[in-house]
Amino acid sequence: MNFFSKLIFYATQDYLIAVVCRFGRIRRVEEFSSNEAGIVRFEAFIKQFPNTNAYLLVDVVEEDYRQEILPHVTGRDRRSLLARKLDQLYHKLSFRTAVFLNQDKENQRRDRFLFSAINQSEHIDAWLEVIGKHQAPLAGVYLLPMLTEFLLKKAQFSGPKILLCECLNSGFRQSYLEEGKLLVSRLSPYPIGTSIQQNNISHDFYLSEIERSRFYLVSQRLIKPTDQLLLIMNSVCVDAEILISDNMDARTFPLEHFQKSLRLDVSDLKSNPELLYLHSFARRGAKNLGNLAPKGLLKNYYLNQIRRYANSATFAVCLAAIFLSLIFLVEEQARQQ
């Protein structure tokens, strides 16, 4: 059992990246394809880390986000209220959660929550089956965009309405944040035959997807047609200023900014920009990210925590016994003198 290690998995439609973290730093990275050979390799990998807590980040198209305003209640009443709302919104879905945003500005007796879910879990089912088979302590399942708030703060970007655009290997992801809070995100697959590795994605693709996102935000009344949006693009994509249109300001999200703080090589980030999320999760942890996993999947994690607490208590008792023995030994020697 390793108290200072954890496993972070990043799952897309086509592959899974597994990283081993110790003391908040990534020490090892492995990639597994979503096929039979990849599953076999992943099984061999996970056998090497018994009783090591694991976390799964999911980056897929099949995701849903909804903002809801609910009465301000706390404790058991809040948990019951959120459970009923989750059943109402995502009755047939297993992976779902709710995250508190803030109190409603117009009425402080109401709270704003972000409800989110994975609409189809087939892309992660095979990985979860291996994790469950070997009783790996899975601590949670999280949507990748929930980390965008942390990344923007780290990069010192702020604004009332931000559209963060990122070129990842899984696709072109756009996340809308209002006053620093994520409200919605969408992943668009690249055109067939194109990828960031080949650097052959046209400007028209980015322009059309950004326009689609803006139209969606207007249709959902998250913004008005005349609202000013701050467009932020990571430096893997084209220069953000090339893509701006009316009512848009643009800045580039420099991956170089994280080179020193996360001890990452810029070339690694540009070829695998999702590593930024994995390193950020390793440093930040899972608090307030919204755990999508049903309780049944977390059974081994809870058992592992009990084992850890028991081992820690045993160690503390042994340490105290040694300390007391030394005190008695010193006192006995003093009396003899």
Protein backbone atom coordinates (compact mmCIF):
# COMPACT_ATOMS: atom_id res chain seq x y z
CA MET A 1 0.00 0.00 0.00
CA ASN A 2 1.45 3.36 -1.01
CA PHE A 3 0.26 6.32 1.05
CA PHE A 4 1.96 8.87 -1.16
CA SER A 5 0.98 7.62 -4.62
CA LYS A 6 -2.16 7.83 -6.71
CA LEU A 7 -3.21 6.85 -10.21
CA ILE A 8 -4.91 9.30 -12.56
CA PHE A 9 -6.61 7.98 -15.68
CA TYR A 10 -7.66 10.13 -18.65
CA ALA A 11 -10.21 8.41 -20.91
CA THR A 12 -11.31 9.44 -24.40
CA GLN A 13 -13.22 7.62 -27.10
CA ASP A 14 -10.05 6.07 -28.56
CA TYR A 15 -7.55 5.63 -25.74
CA LEU A 16 -6.74 5.95 -22.06
CA ILE A 17 -3.71 7.65 -20.51
CA ALA A 18 -2.60 6.43 -17.08
CA VAL A 19 -0.20 8.40 -14.90
CA VAL A 20 1.45 7.52 -11.60
CA CYS A 21 1.73 10.43 -9.17
CA ARG A 22 3.83 10.77 -6.04
CA PHE A 23 3.83 13.84 -3.83
CA GLY A 24 1.81 15.79 -6.41
CA ARG A 25 4.19 15.05 -9.30
CA ILE A 26 3.71 12.74 -12.26
CA ARG A 27 6.41 10.07 -12.28
CA ARG A 28 5.23 7.76 -15.06
CA VAL A 29 2.93 7.99 -18.10
CA GLU A 30 1.40 5.11 -20.08
CA GLU A 31 -1.08 5.10 -22.97
CA PHE A 32 -3.52 2.30 -23.83
CA SER A 33 -5.65 1.98 -26.98
CA SER A 34 -9.36 1.22 -26.70
CA ASN A 35 -9.03 -2.28 -28.16
CA GLU A 36 -8.46 -5.78 -26.83
CA ALA A 37 -4.66 -5.43 -26.81
CA GLY A 38 -4.90 -2.12 -24.97
CA ILE A 39 -7.24 -3.57 -22.34
CA VAL A 40 -4.81 -6.46 -21.73
CA ARG A 41 -1.89 -4.04 -21.31
CA PHE A 42 -3.96 -1.89 -18.94
CA GLU A 43 -4.79 -4.94 -16.84
CA ALA A 44 -1.10 -5.77 -16.52
CA PHE A 45 -0.40 -2.14 -15.58
CA ILE A 46 -3.00 -1.89 -12.83
CA LYS A 47 -1.79 -5.11 -11.21
CA GLN A 48 1.42 -3.27 -10.36
CA PHE A 49 -0.37 -0.82 -8.05
CA PRO A 50 -2.52 -2.68 -5.51
CA ASN A 51 -4.38 -0.52 -2.98
CA THR A 52 -3.38 2.71 -4.77
CA ASN A 53 -6.21 5.25 -5.01
CA ALA A 54 -7.30 5.95 -8.59
CA TYR A 55 -9.15 8.83 -10.27
CA LEU A 56 -10.73 8.83 -13.73
CA LEU A 57 -11.01 11.99 -15.88
CA VAL A 58 -13.39 11.65 -18.83
CA ASP A 59 -13.09 13.64 -22.07
CA VAL A 60 -15.89 12.59 -24.43
CA VAL A 61 -18.56 14.14 -26.65
CA GLU A 62 -21.41 12.47 -24.75
CA GLU A 63 -21.66 14.93 -21.85
CA ASP A 64 -24.38 17.22 -20.55
CA TYR A 65 -24.40 20.41 -18.45
CA ARG A 66 -27.40 22.22 -16.98
CA GLN A 67 -27.58 25.20 -14.68
CA GLU A 68 -30.40 25.14 -12.13
CA ILE A 69 -31.55 27.50 -9.37
CA LEU A 70 -32.83 25.78 -6.22
CA PRO A 71 -34.03 26.88 -2.77
CA HIS A 72 -31.26 27.62 -0.29
CA VAL A 73 -31.08 24.69 2.13
CA THR A 74 -28.18 22.94 3.84
CA GLY A 75 -27.12 19.55 5.18
CA ARG A 76 -29.45 16.59 4.71
CA ASP A 77 -32.14 18.77 3.11
CA ARG A 78 -29.72 19.90 0.39
CA ARG A 79 -28.57 16.34 -0.31
CA SER A 80 -32.18 15.18 -0.64
CA LEU A 81 -33.06 18.10 -2.89
CA LEU A 82 -30.10 17.46 -5.19
CA ALA A 83 -30.84 13.73 -5.33
CA ARG A 84 -34.42 14.41 -6.43
CA LYS A 85 -33.26 16.90 -9.05
CA LEU A 86 -30.66 14.46 -10.40
CA ASP A 87 -33.37 11.80 -10.73
CA GLN A 88 -35.53 14.30 -12.56
CA LEU A 89 -32.82 15.41 -15.00
CA TYR A 90 -30.84 12.18 -15.47
CA HIS A 91 -33.14 9.39 -14.36
CA LYS A 92 -31.59 6.66 -16.53
CA LEU A 93 -27.95 7.76 -16.28
CA SER A 94 -25.44 6.27 -13.84
CA PHE A 95 -22.73 8.94 -14.02
CA ARG A 96 -24.16 12.25 -12.81
CA THR A 97 -23.45 14.93 -10.23
CA ALA A 98 -24.22 18.45 -9.03
CA VAL A 99 -21.77 21.21 -8.04
CA PHE A 100 -22.62 24.36 -6.10
CA LEU A 101 -21.83 27.54 -8.06
CA ASN A 102 -22.96 30.45 -5.89
CA GLN A 103 -25.95 32.14 -4.35
CA ASP A 104 -28.40 33.75 -6.73
CA LYS A 105 -27.59 37.46 -7.02
CA GLU A 106 -31.24 38.47 -7.19
CA ASN A 107 -32.42 36.30 -4.30
CA GLN A 108 -30.00 35.02 -1.65
CA ARG A 109 -32.54 32.42 -0.58
CA ARG A 110 -31.77 30.55 -3.80
CA ASP A 111 -28.59 28.74 -4.87
CA ARG A 112 -27.17 28.10 -8.33
CA PHE A 113 -25.94 24.61 -9.15
CA LEU A 114 -24.29 23.04 -12.18
CA PHE A 115 -25.72 19.60 -12.94
CA SER A 116 -23.67 17.41 -15.27
CA ALA A 117 -23.68 13.85 -16.55
CA ILE A 118 -22.18 11.42 -19.04
CA ASN A 119 -24.91 10.47 -21.52
CA GLN A 120 -23.20 7.30 -22.73
CA SER A 121 -20.63 5.45 -20.65
CA GLU A 122 -19.60 2.85 -23.23
CA HIS A 123 -16.21 4.54 -23.74
CA ILE A 124 -15.25 4.00 -20.09
CA ASP A 125 -17.09 0.75 -19.28
CA ALA A 126 -14.21 -1.52 -20.37
CA TRP A 127 -11.68 0.42 -18.26
CA LEU A 128 -14.00 0.40 -15.24
CA GLU A 129 -14.49 -3.34 -15.63
CA VAL A 130 -10.72 -3.90 -15.31
CA ILE A 131 -10.53 -1.53 -12.34
CA GLY A 132 -13.37 -3.39 -10.61
CA LYS A 133 -11.98 -6.83 -11.47
CA HIS A 134 -8.72 -6.08 -9.64
CA GLN A 135 -10.49 -4.22 -6.82
CA ALA A 136 -8.51 -1.06 -7.46
CA PRO A 137 -9.76 1.68 -5.09
CA LEU A 138 -11.47 4.05 -7.52
CA ALA A 139 -12.02 7.36 -5.72
CA GLY A 140 -14.07 9.11 -8.40
CA VAL A 141 -15.03 9.82 -12.00
CA TYR A 142 -14.85 13.44 -13.20
CA LEU A 143 -15.53 15.40 -16.37
CA LEU A 144 -12.33 16.95 -17.69
CA PRO A 145 -13.74 20.50 -18.17
CA MET A 146 -14.35 20.83 -14.43
CA LEU A 147 -10.62 21.64 -14.16
CA THR A 148 -10.85 24.68 -16.46
CA GLU A 149 -11.56 27.02 -13.54
CA PHE A 150 -8.29 26.01 -11.90
CA LEU A 151 -6.31 26.36 -15.14
CA LEU A 152 -7.57 29.87 -15.87
CA LYS A 153 -6.78 31.01 -12.32
CA LYS A 154 -3.32 29.50 -12.63
CA ALA A 155 -2.78 31.35 -15.91
CA GLN A 156 -4.18 34.55 -14.34
CA PHE A 157 -7.02 34.95 -16.83
CA SER A 158 -10.25 36.53 -15.62
CA GLY A 159 -13.35 38.08 -17.11
CA PRO A 160 -17.14 38.07 -16.76
CA LYS A 161 -17.71 35.86 -19.84
CA ILE A 162 -14.93 33.60 -21.14
CA LEU A 163 -14.93 31.05 -23.95
CA LEU A 164 -11.89 28.81 -23.43
CA CYS A 165 -10.93 26.95 -26.62
CA GLU A 166 -8.46 24.08 -26.47
CA CYS A 167 -6.95 21.88 -29.12
CA LEU A 168 -6.64 18.45 -27.52
CA ASN A 169 -5.86 15.16 -29.21
CA SER A 170 -9.45 14.10 -28.52
CA GLY A 171 -10.90 17.10 -30.36
CA PHE A 172 -11.58 20.83 -30.17
CA ARG A 173 -12.99 21.58 -26.71
CA GLN A 174 -14.80 24.81 -25.89
CA SER A 175 -15.77 25.70 -22.32
CA TYR A 176 -17.87 28.70 -21.29
CA LEU A 177 -17.17 30.27 -17.90
CA GLU A 178 -19.07 33.10 -16.26
CA GLU A 179 -17.38 34.98 -13.43
CA GLY A 180 -14.84 32.17 -13.25
CA LYS A 181 -17.46 29.38 -12.98
CA LEU A 182 -17.86 26.69 -15.65
CA LEU A 183 -21.41 26.56 -17.04
CA VAL A 184 -21.09 24.43 -20.17
CA SER A 185 -18.50 22.67 -22.34
CA ARG A 186 -18.57 20.84 -25.66
CA LEU A 187 -16.08 18.65 -27.53
CA SER A 188 -16.02 18.69 -31.34
CA PRO A 189 -14.18 15.92 -33.21
CA TYR A 190 -11.72 17.08 -35.85
CA PRO A 191 -12.55 16.55 -39.53
CA ILE A 192 -11.59 13.09 -40.79
CA GLY A 193 -7.92 12.90 -41.74
CA THR A 194 -6.86 15.87 -39.59
CA SER A 195 -5.22 16.15 -36.16
CA ILE A 196 -3.11 18.53 -34.10
CA GLN A 197 -0.18 16.15 -34.58
CA GLN A 198 -0.35 16.66 -38.37
CA ASN A 199 -1.08 20.38 -37.95
CA ASN A 200 -3.54 20.28 -40.86
CA ILE A 201 -6.73 21.66 -39.28
CA SER A 202 -8.13 24.62 -41.20
CA HIS A 203 -9.03 27.99 -39.73
CA ASP A 204 -12.56 27.54 -41.10
CA PHE A 205 -13.11 24.57 -38.76
CA TYR A 206 -12.23 26.64 -35.71
CA LEU A 207 -14.30 29.60 -36.91
CA SER A 208 -17.40 27.50 -37.55
CA GLU A 209 -17.16 25.70 -34.19
CA ILE A 210 -16.69 28.96 -32.26
CA GLU A 211 -19.71 30.42 -34.07
CA ARG A 212 -21.74 27.33 -33.18
CA SER A 213 -20.80 27.72 -29.53
CA ARG A 214 -21.76 31.37 -29.54
CA PHE A 215 -25.11 30.57 -31.15
CA TYR A 216 -25.71 27.84 -28.56
CA LEU A 217 -24.90 30.19 -25.67
CA VAL A 218 -27.36 32.74 -27.05
CA SER A 219 -30.08 30.12 -27.58
CA GLN A 220 -29.66 28.94 -23.96
CA ARG A 221 -29.81 32.58 -22.76
CA LEU A 222 -26.40 32.28 -21.17
CA ILE A 223 -25.30 35.35 -23.11
CA LYS A 224 -26.98 38.04 -25.18
CA PRO A 225 -26.11 38.56 -28.88
CA THR A 226 -24.42 41.84 -27.97
CA ASP A 227 -22.41 40.51 -25.00
CA GLN A 228 -18.63 40.78 -25.20
CA LEU A 229 -16.88 37.41 -25.01
CA LEU A 230 -13.25 36.89 -24.08
CA LEU A 231 -11.95 34.17 -26.40
CA ILE A 232 -8.94 32.29 -25.02
CA MET A 233 -7.18 29.64 -27.11
CA ASN A 234 -4.30 27.43 -26.11
CA SER A 235 -1.11 27.90 -28.09
CA VAL A 236 -1.52 24.51 -29.81
CA CYS A 237 -4.27 26.07 -31.94
CA VAL A 238 -3.89 29.01 -34.29
CA ASP A 239 -3.37 32.52 -32.96
CA ALA A 240 -6.59 33.53 -31.21
CA GLU A 241 -6.63 36.99 -32.78
CA ILE A 242 -7.06 35.46 -36.24
CA LEU A 243 -10.42 33.99 -35.21
CA ILE A 244 -12.10 36.89 -33.43
CA SER A 245 -15.36 38.33 -34.71
CA ASP A 246 -17.72 41.06 -33.52
CA ASN A 247 -18.18 41.36 -29.75
CA MET A 248 -15.08 39.27 -29.08
CA ASP A 249 -11.73 39.94 -27.51
CA ALA A 250 -9.01 37.34 -27.90
CA ARG A 251 -5.96 36.10 -26.04
CA THR A 252 -3.68 33.11 -26.38
CA PHE A 253 -3.41 30.60 -23.55
CA PRO A 254 0.37 30.12 -23.31
CA LEU A 255 1.34 26.57 -22.41
CA GLU A 256 4.79 27.95 -21.65
CA HIS A 257 3.27 29.58 -18.56
CA PHE A 258 3.05 26.14 -16.92
CA GLN A 259 6.54 24.98 -17.85
CA LYS A 260 8.14 26.04 -14.58
CA SER A 261 5.23 25.62 -12.15
CA LEU A 262 4.45 22.08 -13.33
CA ARG A 263 7.99 21.18 -14.49
CA LEU A 264 6.78 20.21 -17.93
CA ASP A 265 8.53 20.35 -21.26
CA VAL A 266 6.71 22.66 -23.71
CA SER A 267 7.22 20.22 -26.58
CA ASP A 268 5.48 17.50 -24.52
CA LEU A 269 2.59 19.83 -23.82
CA LYS A 270 2.15 20.79 -27.45
CA SER A 271 2.05 17.18 -28.60
CA ASN A 272 -0.09 16.07 -25.63
CA PRO A 273 -1.87 19.17 -24.23
CA GLU A 274 -4.11 16.97 -22.05
CA LEU A 275 -1.05 16.39 -19.83
CA LEU A 276 -1.71 19.87 -18.48
CA TYR A 277 -4.99 18.62 -17.00
CA LEU A 278 -3.36 15.53 -15.52
CA HIS A 279 -0.59 17.53 -13.87
CA SER A 280 -3.13 20.07 -12.61
CA PHE A 281 -5.27 17.33 -11.10
CA ALA A 282 -2.19 15.82 -9.45
CA ARG A 283 -1.47 19.18 -7.81
CA ARG A 284 -5.02 20.33 -7.11
CA GLY A 285 -6.84 17.14 -6.15
CA ALA A 286 -10.51 16.28 -6.67
CA LYS A 287 -12.20 18.63 -4.20
CA ASN A 288 -15.36 20.33 -5.55
CA LEU A 289 -14.96 18.87 -9.05
CA GLY A 290 -18.20 16.90 -8.88
CA ASN A 291 -17.83 13.14 -8.54
CA LEU A 292 -19.95 11.41 -11.19
CA ALA A 293 -19.39 7.87 -9.92
CA PRO A 294 -22.28 5.97 -8.31
CA LYS A 295 -21.52 4.82 -4.77
CA GLY A 296 -21.27 1.18 -5.82
CA LEU A 297 -18.12 1.91 -7.81
CA LEU A 298 -16.45 3.51 -4.79
CA LYS A 299 -16.74 0.53 -2.43
CA ASN A 300 -13.09 -0.50 -2.77
CA TYR A 301 -11.98 3.10 -2.22
CA TYR A 302 -13.86 3.33 1.08
CA LEU A 303 -12.39 -0.01 2.20
CA ASN A 304 -8.92 1.18 1.23
CA GLN A 305 -9.37 4.35 3.27
CA ILE A 306 -10.36 2.29 6.30
CA ARG A 307 -7.21 0.19 5.85
CA ARG A 308 -5.11 3.34 5.57
CA TYR A 309 -6.60 4.87 8.72
CA ALA A 310 -6.12 1.59 10.59
CA ASN A 311 -2.48 1.36 9.48
CA SER A 312 -1.89 5.00 10.40
CA ALA A 313 -3.42 4.45 13.83
CA THR A 314 -1.28 1.34 14.36
CA PHE A 315 1.83 3.27 13.33
CA ALA A 316 0.93 6.12 15.70
CA VAL A 317 0.42 3.71 18.61
CA CYS A 318 3.76 2.01 17.92
CA LEU A 319 5.50 5.37 17.70
CA ALA A 320 3.95 6.47 20.99
CA ALA A 321 5.00 3.21 22.64
CA ILE A 322 8.60 3.69 21.49
CA PHE A 323 8.57 7.29 22.71
CA LEU A 324 7.20 6.32 26.14
CA SER A 325 9.74 3.50 26.40
CA LEU A 326 12.55 5.96 25.76
CA ILE A 327 11.19 8.28 28.45
CA PHE A 328 11.02 5.45 30.99
CA LEU A 329 14.54 4.33 30.02
CA VAL A 330 15.95 7.84 30.51
CA GLU A 331 14.18 8.19 33.88
CA GLU A 332 15.46 4.79 35.02
CA GLN A 333 19.03 5.70 34.06
CA ALA A 334 18.68 9.00 35.92
CA ARG A 335 17.53 7.23 39.11
CA GLN A 336 20.43 4.77 38.92
CA GLN A 337 22.92 7.62 38.72
